[in-house]
Amino acid sequence: MRRMSVAAEYFLSGVNAISHDGRARGMRRHRQSGWCLALCGQESGADLRLNKIVPTLQDAMRRIFEYVYPFEDASSRKVNGMPSQIGKCVTVANERQPGRINMILVDETLGY
């Protein structure tokens, strides 16, 4: 499934924060039971609430560690009975192929 996802013609995913200069930041969550990918294939932007927009890339990282991760950890503990941990953080910026990534801003509550 992982191989199929990176070869897919289209991939819909979400990010955890986006800075004013347009750089999107997301985390891959790792659980002891295996990988749970919040982002896979080519990280792109959907499920992006307007409250995920932050001034700088450093603010994006702060949002992931101080806001997003506690929700993810609580969810993992409730659903899987084990803690979550941040496995990888990915920044999407400076895409060289025009039109490869399309970001959609959604102004409604869809996640954290």
C-alpha atoms as a PDB file:
ATOM      1  CA  MET A   1       0.000   0.000   0.000  1.00  0.00           C
ATOM      2  CA  ARG A   2       2.856   2.365   0.800  1.00  0.00           C
ATOM      3  CA  ARG A   3       4.420   1.762  -2.636  1.00  0.00           C
ATOM      4  CA  MET A   4       1.061   2.341  -4.347  1.00  0.00           C
ATOM      5  CA  SER A   5       0.533   5.605  -2.476  1.00  0.00           C
ATOM      6  CA  VAL A   6       3.799   7.158  -3.674  1.00  0.00           C
ATOM      7  CA  ALA A   7       3.076   6.120  -7.279  1.00  0.00           C
ATOM      8  CA  ALA A   8      -0.513   7.380  -7.288  1.00  0.00           C
ATOM      9  CA  GLU A   9      -1.467   9.973  -9.880  1.00  0.00           C
ATOM     10  CA  TYR A  10      -3.273  11.995  -7.199  1.00  0.00           C
ATOM     11  CA  PHE A  11      -2.804  12.107  -3.456  1.00  0.00           C
ATOM     12  CA  LEU A  12      -4.905  14.007  -0.944  1.00  0.00           C
ATOM     13  CA  SER A  13      -3.408  14.765   2.427  1.00  0.00           C
ATOM     14  CA  GLY A  14      -3.276  17.403   5.111  1.00  0.00           C
ATOM     15  CA  VAL A  15      -0.682  19.548   6.790  1.00  0.00           C
ATOM     16  CA  ASN A  16      -0.388  20.734  10.360  1.00  0.00           C
ATOM     17  CA  ALA A  17       0.612  24.342   9.672  1.00  0.00           C
ATOM     18  CA  ILE A  18       1.457  26.750   6.873  1.00  0.00           C
ATOM     19  CA  SER A  19       3.577  29.854   7.216  1.00  0.00           C
ATOM     20  CA  HIS A  20       2.751  33.247   5.704  1.00  0.00           C
ATOM     21  CA  ASP A  21       5.396  32.682   3.032  1.00  0.00           C
ATOM     22  CA  GLY A  22       3.527  29.572   1.837  1.00  0.00           C
ATOM     23  CA  ARG A  23       5.708  26.819   3.318  1.00  0.00           C
ATOM     24  CA  ALA A  24       3.598  23.930   4.568  1.00  0.00           C
ATOM     25  CA  ARG A  25       4.762  21.858   7.522  1.00  0.00           C
ATOM     26  CA  GLY A  26       3.443  18.471   8.541  1.00  0.00           C
ATOM     27  CA  MET A  27       4.442  15.624  10.801  1.00  0.00           C
ATOM     28  CA  ARG A  28       4.502  11.895  10.346  1.00  0.00           C
ATOM     29  CA  ARG A  29       3.303  10.154  13.439  1.00  0.00           C
ATOM     30  CA  HIS A  30       4.929   6.972  14.584  1.00  0.00           C
ATOM     31  CA  ARG A  31       3.207   4.555  16.905  1.00  0.00           C
ATOM     32  CA  GLN A  32       4.760   1.527  18.533  1.00  0.00           C
ATOM     33  CA  SER A  33       2.351  -0.717  16.628  1.00  0.00           C
ATOM     34  CA  GLY A  34       3.675   0.544  13.269  1.00  0.00           C
ATOM     35  CA  TRP A  35       3.649   3.620  11.055  1.00  0.00           C
ATOM     36  CA  CYS A  36       0.637   5.857  10.891  1.00  0.00           C
ATOM     37  CA  LEU A  37       1.389   8.317   8.114  1.00  0.00           C
ATOM     38  CA  ALA A  38      -0.206  11.697   8.384  1.00  0.00           C
ATOM     39  CA  LEU A  39       1.722  12.536   5.236  1.00  0.00           C
ATOM     40  CA  CYS A  40       2.898  10.140   2.579  1.00  0.00           C
ATOM     41  CA  GLY A  41       3.581  10.221  -1.126  1.00  0.00           C
ATOM     42  CA  GLN A  42       4.276  13.820  -2.020  1.00  0.00           C
ATOM     43  CA  GLU A  43       3.133  15.866   0.941  1.00  0.00           C
ATOM     44  CA  SER A  44       0.420  18.215  -0.197  1.00  0.00           C
ATOM     45  CA  GLY A  45      -2.215  20.406   1.372  1.00  0.00           C
ATOM     46  CA  ALA A  46      -5.807  19.640   2.139  1.00  0.00           C
ATOM     47  CA  ASP A  47      -7.605  19.631   5.473  1.00  0.00           C
ATOM     48  CA  LEU A  48      -5.889  22.957   6.097  1.00  0.00           C
ATOM     49  CA  ARG A  49      -7.984  25.149   8.391  1.00  0.00           C
ATOM     50  CA  LEU A  50      -7.339  28.845   8.305  1.00  0.00           C
ATOM     51  CA  ASN A  51      -6.263  28.668  11.957  1.00  0.00           C
ATOM     52  CA  LYS A  52      -3.311  26.555  10.776  1.00  0.00           C
ATOM     53  CA  ILE A  53      -1.808  29.618   9.137  1.00  0.00           C
ATOM     54  CA  VAL A  54       1.066  30.957  11.246  1.00  0.00           C
ATOM     55  CA  PRO A  55       3.570  33.780  10.677  1.00  0.00           C
ATOM     56  CA  THR A  56       6.811  31.777  10.365  1.00  0.00           C
ATOM     57  CA  LEU A  57       8.130  28.266   9.842  1.00  0.00           C
ATOM     58  CA  GLN A  58       9.314  28.304  13.464  1.00  0.00           C
ATOM     59  CA  ASP A  59       5.723  29.040  14.535  1.00  0.00           C
ATOM     60  CA  ALA A  60       4.621  26.079  12.416  1.00  0.00           C
ATOM     61  CA  MET A  61       6.976  23.800  14.352  1.00  0.00           C
ATOM     62  CA  ARG A  62       5.768  25.234  17.644  1.00  0.00           C
ATOM     63  CA  ARG A  63       2.155  24.572  16.576  1.00  0.00           C
ATOM     64  CA  ILE A  64       2.997  20.927  15.791  1.00  0.00           C
ATOM     65  CA  PHE A  65       4.790  20.240  19.078  1.00  0.00           C
ATOM     66  CA  GLU A  66       2.621  22.312  21.428  1.00  0.00           C
ATOM     67  CA  TYR A  67      -0.840  22.009  19.858  1.00  0.00           C
ATOM     68  CA  VAL A  68      -1.163  19.203  17.289  1.00  0.00           C
ATOM     69  CA  TYR A  69       0.932  16.534  18.968  1.00  0.00           C
ATOM     70  CA  PRO A  70      -0.945  16.561  22.314  1.00  0.00           C
ATOM     71  CA  PHE A  71      -4.235  15.910  20.442  1.00  0.00           C
ATOM     72  CA  GLU A  72      -2.648  13.119  18.388  1.00  0.00           C
ATOM     73  CA  ASP A  73      -1.096  11.543  21.471  1.00  0.00           C
ATOM     74  CA  ALA A  74      -4.389  11.619  23.377  1.00  0.00           C
ATOM     75  CA  SER A  75      -6.160  10.060  20.385  1.00  0.00           C
ATOM     76  CA  SER A  76      -3.551   7.309  20.081  1.00  0.00           C
ATOM     77  CA  ARG A  77      -3.756   6.527  23.789  1.00  0.00           C
ATOM     78  CA  LYS A  78      -7.563   6.328  23.619  1.00  0.00           C
ATOM     79  CA  VAL A  79      -7.814   4.309  20.379  1.00  0.00           C
ATOM     80  CA  ASN A  80      -4.663   2.165  20.560  1.00  0.00           C
ATOM     81  CA  GLY A  81      -3.841   2.194  24.250  1.00  0.00           C
ATOM     82  CA  MET A  82      -0.329   3.488  23.566  1.00  0.00           C
ATOM     83  CA  PRO A  83       1.365   6.859  23.139  1.00  0.00           C
ATOM     84  CA  SER A  84       2.212   8.437  19.828  1.00  0.00           C
ATOM     85  CA  GLN A  85       5.472  10.111  18.939  1.00  0.00           C
ATOM     86  CA  ILE A  86       6.548  12.444  16.177  1.00  0.00           C
ATOM     87  CA  GLY A  87       8.527  10.444  13.663  1.00  0.00           C
ATOM     88  CA  LYS A  88       9.349  12.964  10.952  1.00  0.00           C
ATOM     89  CA  CYS A  89       8.552  16.572  10.170  1.00  0.00           C
ATOM     90  CA  VAL A  90       8.314  17.533   6.512  1.00  0.00           C
ATOM     91  CA  THR A  91       8.402  20.989   4.964  1.00  0.00           C
ATOM     92  CA  VAL A  92       6.860  21.519   1.549  1.00  0.00           C
ATOM     93  CA  ALA A  93       8.520  24.514  -0.113  1.00  0.00           C
ATOM     94  CA  ASN A  94      10.073  25.550  -3.404  1.00  0.00           C
ATOM     95  CA  GLU A  95       8.438  22.893  -5.566  1.00  0.00           C
ATOM     96  CA  ARG A  96      10.299  22.902  -8.882  1.00  0.00           C
ATOM     97  CA  GLN A  97       7.541  21.379 -11.001  1.00  0.00           C
ATOM     98  CA  PRO A  98       4.777  23.978 -11.511  1.00  0.00           C
ATOM     99  CA  GLY A  99       1.308  22.660 -10.728  1.00  0.00           C
ATOM    100  CA  ARG A 100       2.575  19.541  -8.962  1.00  0.00           C
ATOM    101  CA  ILE A 101       1.112  20.574  -5.609  1.00  0.00           C
ATOM    102  CA  ASN A 102      -2.201  22.354  -5.236  1.00  0.00           C
ATOM    103  CA  MET A 103      -3.111  23.681  -1.834  1.00  0.00           C
ATOM    104  CA  ILE A 104      -6.746  24.045  -0.847  1.00  0.00           C
ATOM    105  CA  LEU A 105      -7.616  26.162   2.192  1.00  0.00           C
ATOM    106  CA  VAL A 106     -10.756  24.911   3.925  1.00  0.00           C
ATOM    107  CA  ASP A 107     -12.447  27.276   6.357  1.00  0.00           C
ATOM    108  CA  GLU A 108     -14.191  24.750   8.591  1.00  0.00           C
ATOM    109  CA  THR A 109     -13.314  22.458  11.454  1.00  0.00           C
ATOM    110  CA  LEU A 110     -11.917  19.207  10.029  1.00  0.00           C
ATOM    111  CA  GLY A 111      -9.160  18.265  12.440  1.00  0.00           C
ATOM    112  CA  TYR A 112      -6.638  19.851  14.760  1.00  0.00           C
END
